[in-house]
Amino acid sequence: MSKIHIPTPLRQYVGKQASVEVHGATVGEAMNSLVAQHPELRKHLYTEEGKLRAFVNVYVNDEDIRYLLKEALQVGDSISIVPSIAGGAGSAPSSCHPEQSEGPRCLLEAAR
């Protein structure tokens, strides 16, 4: 069993938990276990095609493994979901435009 740490903007989809215990032999299986337990989270982490969204980073024990979701897990491994944060002050729209639904700003907007 492993633990996935949930970033603050996504905690509302996992009962406000900071982390969730999951089963899985690989990182991908653990992530699938997470979204099986908390289905509302899927649209924030994955595209409609089932691929991890471009702005979602996944770490195992502080190592970036975003492209290694088939990586085997060891008992007690710690998985962290870390959304990329971009942007800044300026003329950014106050809400997410449908054409921009892939960006990290939309993840934060959706979590409000």
N, C-alpha and C. Protein backbone atom coordinates (compact mmCIF):
# COMPACT_ATOMS: atom_id res chain seq x y z
N MET A 1 0.85 -1.17 0.00
CA MET A 1 0.00 0.00 0.00
C MET A 1 0.90 1.24 0.00
N SER A 2 0.50 2.22 -0.78
CA SER A 2 1.23 3.48 -0.86
C SER A 2 0.31 4.63 -0.50
N LYS A 3 0.92 5.78 -0.32
CA LYS A 3 0.17 6.97 0.03
C LYS A 3 0.39 8.02 -1.06
N ILE A 4 -0.70 8.62 -1.53
CA ILE A 4 -0.61 9.71 -2.50
C ILE A 4 -0.94 11.01 -1.79
N HIS A 5 0.00 11.95 -1.86
CA HIS A 5 -0.21 13.27 -1.28
C HIS A 5 -0.98 14.13 -2.27
N ILE A 6 -2.03 14.76 -1.80
CA ILE A 6 -2.94 15.52 -2.64
C ILE A 6 -2.66 17.02 -2.47
N PRO A 7 -2.47 17.75 -3.58
CA PRO A 7 -2.25 19.20 -3.46
C PRO A 7 -3.53 19.89 -2.97
N THR A 8 -3.35 20.98 -2.28
CA THR A 8 -4.47 21.70 -1.67
C THR A 8 -5.62 21.98 -2.63
N PRO A 9 -5.38 22.43 -3.89
CA PRO A 9 -6.51 22.73 -4.77
C PRO A 9 -7.38 21.50 -5.11
N LEU A 10 -6.83 20.30 -4.94
CA LEU A 10 -7.59 19.10 -5.29
C LEU A 10 -8.19 18.39 -4.08
N ARG A 11 -7.91 18.85 -2.91
CA ARG A 11 -8.39 18.16 -1.70
C ARG A 11 -9.90 18.14 -1.58
N GLN A 12 -10.57 19.10 -2.16
CA GLN A 12 -12.04 19.11 -2.08
C GLN A 12 -12.65 17.89 -2.78
N TYR A 13 -11.89 17.25 -3.67
CA TYR A 13 -12.39 16.08 -4.41
C TYR A 13 -12.06 14.77 -3.70
N VAL A 14 -11.31 14.84 -2.60
CA VAL A 14 -10.94 13.64 -1.85
C VAL A 14 -11.34 13.78 -0.38
N GLY A 15 -12.43 14.46 -0.13
CA GLY A 15 -12.91 14.63 1.23
C GLY A 15 -12.00 15.46 2.11
N LYS A 16 -11.31 16.40 1.48
CA LYS A 16 -10.41 17.33 2.18
C LYS A 16 -9.22 16.64 2.84
N GLN A 17 -8.90 15.45 2.37
CA GLN A 17 -7.75 14.71 2.90
C GLN A 17 -6.45 15.22 2.29
N ALA A 18 -5.40 15.27 3.08
CA ALA A 18 -4.08 15.68 2.58
C ALA A 18 -3.39 14.54 1.84
N SER A 19 -3.79 13.30 2.15
CA SER A 19 -3.23 12.14 1.46
C SER A 19 -4.26 11.02 1.46
N VAL A 20 -4.07 10.10 0.52
CA VAL A 20 -5.00 8.98 0.36
C VAL A 20 -4.18 7.70 0.23
N GLU A 21 -4.55 6.68 0.97
CA GLU A 21 -3.90 5.37 0.87
C GLU A 21 -4.46 4.65 -0.36
N VAL A 22 -3.56 4.08 -1.17
CA VAL A 22 -3.97 3.40 -2.40
C VAL A 22 -3.23 2.08 -2.56
N HIS A 23 -3.82 1.21 -3.36
CA HIS A 23 -3.18 -0.06 -3.71
C HIS A 23 -2.67 0.05 -5.14
N GLY A 24 -1.63 -0.69 -5.44
CA GLY A 24 -1.12 -0.73 -6.81
C GLY A 24 0.33 -1.15 -6.81
N ALA A 25 0.66 -2.00 -7.77
CA ALA A 25 2.05 -2.46 -7.92
C ALA A 25 2.90 -1.44 -8.65
N THR A 26 2.25 -0.56 -9.43
CA THR A 26 2.96 0.47 -10.17
C THR A 26 2.35 1.84 -9.84
N VAL A 27 3.05 2.88 -10.25
CA VAL A 27 2.53 4.23 -10.03
C VAL A 27 1.20 4.41 -10.77
N GLY A 28 1.12 3.92 -12.00
CA GLY A 28 -0.11 4.02 -12.77
C GLY A 28 -1.28 3.32 -12.09
N GLU A 29 -1.03 2.13 -11.53
CA GLU A 29 -2.08 1.41 -10.82
C GLU A 29 -2.51 2.17 -9.57
N ALA A 30 -1.54 2.78 -8.88
CA ALA A 30 -1.86 3.56 -7.69
C ALA A 30 -2.72 4.77 -8.06
N MET A 31 -2.37 5.44 -9.16
CA MET A 31 -3.16 6.59 -9.62
C MET A 31 -4.57 6.13 -10.01
N ASN A 32 -4.68 4.97 -10.67
CA ASN A 32 -5.99 4.43 -11.03
C ASN A 32 -6.81 4.12 -9.77
N SER A 33 -6.15 3.61 -8.74
CA SER A 33 -6.82 3.33 -7.47
C SER A 33 -7.35 4.62 -6.86
N LEU A 34 -6.56 5.68 -6.96
CA LEU A 34 -6.98 6.99 -6.43
C LEU A 34 -8.25 7.48 -7.12
N VAL A 35 -8.27 7.46 -8.45
CA VAL A 35 -9.45 7.98 -9.15
C VAL A 35 -10.63 7.02 -9.05
N ALA A 36 -10.37 5.75 -8.79
CA ALA A 36 -11.48 4.82 -8.56
C ALA A 36 -12.16 5.15 -7.23
N GLN A 37 -11.36 5.52 -6.23
CA GLN A 37 -11.90 5.90 -4.91
C GLN A 37 -12.57 7.27 -4.95
N HIS A 38 -12.05 8.16 -5.82
CA HIS A 38 -12.53 9.54 -5.88
C HIS A 38 -12.73 9.93 -7.35
N PRO A 39 -13.83 9.48 -7.96
CA PRO A 39 -14.06 9.67 -9.40
C PRO A 39 -14.05 11.12 -9.88
N GLU A 40 -14.46 12.07 -9.04
CA GLU A 40 -14.47 13.48 -9.46
C GLU A 40 -13.06 14.00 -9.76
N LEU A 41 -12.08 13.35 -9.22
CA LEU A 41 -10.69 13.76 -9.39
C LEU A 41 -10.17 13.47 -10.81
N ARG A 42 -10.75 12.47 -11.46
CA ARG A 42 -10.26 12.03 -12.78
C ARG A 42 -10.15 13.18 -13.78
N LYS A 43 -11.18 13.99 -13.91
CA LYS A 43 -11.17 15.06 -14.92
C LYS A 43 -10.12 16.12 -14.65
N HIS A 44 -9.65 16.19 -13.42
CA HIS A 44 -8.62 17.18 -13.08
C HIS A 44 -7.21 16.64 -13.30
N LEU A 45 -7.09 15.32 -13.38
CA LEU A 45 -5.77 14.71 -13.56
C LEU A 45 -5.55 14.16 -14.96
N TYR A 46 -6.62 13.72 -15.63
CA TYR A 46 -6.49 13.04 -16.91
C TYR A 46 -7.31 13.73 -18.01
N THR A 47 -6.83 13.60 -19.25
CA THR A 47 -7.58 14.09 -20.40
C THR A 47 -8.71 13.10 -20.70
N GLU A 48 -9.57 13.44 -21.63
CA GLU A 48 -10.64 12.52 -22.03
C GLU A 48 -10.07 11.25 -22.65
N GLU A 49 -8.86 11.34 -23.20
CA GLU A 49 -8.20 10.18 -23.79
C GLU A 49 -7.51 9.31 -22.75
N GLY A 50 -7.55 9.72 -21.49
CA GLY A 50 -6.96 8.93 -20.42
C GLY A 50 -5.49 9.21 -20.16
N LYS A 51 -4.95 10.27 -20.76
CA LYS A 51 -3.54 10.62 -20.54
C LYS A 51 -3.45 11.63 -19.40
N LEU A 52 -2.36 11.53 -18.65
CA LEU A 52 -2.12 12.49 -17.57
C LEU A 52 -2.04 13.88 -18.17
N ARG A 53 -2.74 14.83 -17.59
CA ARG A 53 -2.74 16.20 -18.11
C ARG A 53 -1.33 16.78 -18.07
N ALA A 54 -1.04 17.66 -19.03
CA ALA A 54 0.30 18.21 -19.21
C ALA A 54 0.81 18.95 -17.98
N PHE A 55 -0.07 19.53 -17.20
CA PHE A 55 0.35 20.33 -16.06
C PHE A 55 0.39 19.56 -14.75
N VAL A 56 0.15 18.25 -14.81
CA VAL A 56 0.16 17.43 -13.60
C VAL A 56 1.49 16.68 -13.54
N ASN A 57 2.24 16.92 -12.48
CA ASN A 57 3.52 16.24 -12.28
C ASN A 57 3.35 15.22 -11.17
N VAL A 58 4.02 14.08 -11.31
CA VAL A 58 3.93 13.01 -10.32
C VAL A 58 5.34 12.69 -9.83
N TYR A 59 5.48 12.62 -8.52
CA TYR A 59 6.77 12.32 -7.90
C TYR A 59 6.61 11.10 -7.00
N VAL A 60 7.63 10.26 -6.97
CA VAL A 60 7.70 9.16 -6.02
C VAL A 60 8.95 9.39 -5.18
N ASN A 61 8.75 9.54 -3.88
CA ASN A 61 9.87 9.80 -2.97
C ASN A 61 10.74 10.94 -3.48
N ASP A 62 10.11 12.02 -3.90
CA ASP A 62 10.77 13.25 -4.38
C ASP A 62 11.45 13.11 -5.73
N GLU A 63 11.21 12.03 -6.47
CA GLU A 63 11.78 11.86 -7.81
C GLU A 63 10.67 12.01 -8.85
N ASP A 64 10.91 12.86 -9.85
CA ASP A 64 9.93 13.10 -10.91
C ASP A 64 9.80 11.84 -11.76
N ILE A 65 8.61 11.24 -11.77
CA ILE A 65 8.40 10.02 -12.56
C ILE A 65 7.20 10.16 -13.50
N ARG A 66 6.87 11.38 -13.86
CA ARG A 66 5.70 11.66 -14.70
C ARG A 66 5.63 10.75 -15.92
N TYR A 67 6.75 10.47 -16.53
CA TYR A 67 6.76 9.66 -17.75
C TYR A 67 7.09 8.20 -17.46
N LEU A 68 7.11 7.83 -16.20
CA LEU A 68 7.44 6.47 -15.81
C LEU A 68 6.33 5.86 -14.96
N LEU A 69 5.08 6.00 -15.40
CA LEU A 69 3.95 5.54 -14.60
C LEU A 69 3.91 4.02 -14.46
N LYS A 70 4.71 3.31 -15.25
CA LYS A 70 4.78 1.85 -15.12
C LYS A 70 5.83 1.44 -14.10
N GLU A 71 6.47 2.43 -13.49
CA GLU A 71 7.51 2.20 -12.49
C GLU A 71 6.92 1.45 -11.30
N ALA A 72 7.62 0.38 -10.86
CA ALA A 72 7.16 -0.42 -9.73
C ALA A 72 7.26 0.38 -8.44
N LEU A 73 6.31 0.14 -7.56
CA LEU A 73 6.31 0.78 -6.25
C LEU A 73 6.81 -0.19 -5.20
N GLN A 74 7.43 0.35 -4.18
CA GLN A 74 7.86 -0.42 -3.02
C GLN A 74 6.89 -0.11 -1.88
N VAL A 75 6.76 -1.02 -0.95
CA VAL A 75 5.89 -0.79 0.20
C VAL A 75 6.32 0.50 0.90
N GLY A 76 5.36 1.36 1.15
CA GLY A 76 5.63 2.60 1.86
C GLY A 76 6.08 3.75 1.00
N ASP A 77 6.15 3.56 -0.34
CA ASP A 77 6.52 4.67 -1.22
C ASP A 77 5.52 5.80 -1.06
N SER A 78 6.03 7.01 -1.19
CA SER A 78 5.22 8.21 -1.08
C SER A 78 5.09 8.85 -2.47
N ILE A 79 3.86 8.99 -2.93
CA ILE A 79 3.58 9.58 -4.25
C ILE A 79 3.01 10.97 -4.02
N SER A 80 3.50 11.93 -4.79
CA SER A 80 2.99 13.30 -4.68
C SER A 80 2.49 13.77 -6.04
N ILE A 81 1.32 14.37 -6.06
CA ILE A 81 0.78 15.02 -7.25
C ILE A 81 1.10 16.50 -7.08
N VAL A 82 1.81 17.06 -8.06
CA VAL A 82 2.21 18.45 -7.98
C VAL A 82 1.79 19.17 -9.26
N PRO A 83 0.75 20.02 -9.18
CA PRO A 83 0.35 20.75 -10.38
C PRO A 83 1.36 21.85 -10.69
N SER A 84 1.65 22.03 -11.97
CA SER A 84 2.51 23.14 -12.38
C SER A 84 1.75 24.43 -12.15
N ILE A 85 2.46 25.43 -11.71
CA ILE A 85 1.85 26.74 -11.49
C ILE A 85 2.53 27.72 -12.44
N ALA A 86 1.74 28.42 -13.20
CA ALA A 86 2.28 29.39 -14.16
C ALA A 86 1.41 30.63 -14.14
N GLY A 87 1.92 31.68 -14.72
CA GLY A 87 1.12 32.89 -14.83
C GLY A 87 1.69 34.00 -14.00
N GLY A 88 0.88 34.95 -13.71
CA GLY A 88 1.31 36.10 -12.94
C GLY A 88 0.30 37.21 -13.06
N ALA A 89 0.69 38.37 -12.65
CA ALA A 89 -0.20 39.52 -12.71
C ALA A 89 -0.37 39.97 -14.15
N GLY A 90 -1.39 40.70 -14.40
CA GLY A 90 -1.60 41.22 -15.75
C GLY A 90 -3.04 41.09 -16.15
N SER A 91 -3.26 40.87 -17.42
CA SER A 91 -4.62 40.87 -17.95
C SER A 91 -5.19 39.46 -18.07
N ALA A 92 -4.78 38.56 -17.21
CA ALA A 92 -5.30 37.20 -17.25
C ALA A 92 -6.79 37.21 -16.94
N PRO A 93 -7.58 36.38 -17.63
CA PRO A 93 -9.02 36.33 -17.36
C PRO A 93 -9.28 35.78 -15.97
N SER A 94 -10.39 36.18 -15.38
CA SER A 94 -10.70 35.75 -14.02
C SER A 94 -11.29 34.35 -13.97
N SER A 95 -11.67 33.81 -15.11
CA SER A 95 -12.16 32.44 -15.12
C SER A 95 -11.55 31.71 -16.31
N CYS A 96 -11.67 30.42 -16.28
CA CYS A 96 -11.04 29.59 -17.29
C CYS A 96 -11.88 29.55 -18.57
N HIS A 97 -11.26 29.76 -19.69
CA HIS A 97 -11.91 29.69 -20.98
C HIS A 97 -11.87 28.24 -21.44
N PRO A 98 -12.94 27.71 -22.07
CA PRO A 98 -12.95 26.31 -22.49
C PRO A 98 -11.76 25.91 -23.35
N GLU A 99 -11.24 26.81 -24.14
CA GLU A 99 -10.10 26.48 -24.99
C GLU A 99 -8.82 26.34 -24.18
N GLN A 100 -8.83 26.78 -22.92
CA GLN A 100 -7.66 26.71 -22.07
C GLN A 100 -7.83 25.66 -20.97
N SER A 101 -8.70 24.70 -21.16
CA SER A 101 -9.03 23.75 -20.10
C SER A 101 -7.89 22.81 -19.73
N GLU A 102 -6.77 22.89 -20.42
CA GLU A 102 -5.65 22.02 -20.11
C GLU A 102 -4.65 22.66 -19.17
N GLY A 103 -4.73 23.95 -18.92
CA GLY A 103 -3.69 24.65 -18.18
C GLY A 103 -3.80 24.54 -16.68
N PRO A 104 -2.67 24.80 -15.99
CA PRO A 104 -2.68 24.72 -14.53
C PRO A 104 -3.60 25.76 -13.90
N ARG A 105 -3.78 26.89 -14.56
CA ARG A 105 -4.68 27.92 -14.05
C ARG A 105 -6.09 27.37 -13.93
N CYS A 106 -6.48 26.53 -14.89
CA CYS A 106 -7.83 25.96 -14.86
C CYS A 106 -7.99 24.98 -13.71
N LEU A 107 -6.91 24.27 -13.37
CA LEU A 107 -6.96 23.37 -12.23
C LEU A 107 -7.26 24.16 -10.97
N LEU A 108 -6.58 25.29 -10.82
CA LEU A 108 -6.80 26.13 -9.65
C LEU A 108 -8.17 26.77 -9.68
N GLU A 109 -8.63 27.20 -10.87
CA GLU A 109 -9.97 27.80 -10.99
C GLU A 109 -11.03 26.76 -10.65
N ALA A 110 -10.84 25.53 -11.13
CA ALA A 110 -11.84 24.48 -10.90
C ALA A 110 -11.93 24.13 -9.43
N ALA A 111 -10.85 24.32 -8.70
CA ALA A 111 -10.82 23.96 -7.30
C ALA A 111 -11.46 25.02 -6.40
N ARG A 112 -11.73 26.17 -6.93
CA ARG A 112 -12.33 27.22 -6.09
C ARG A 112 -13.76 26.97 -5.76
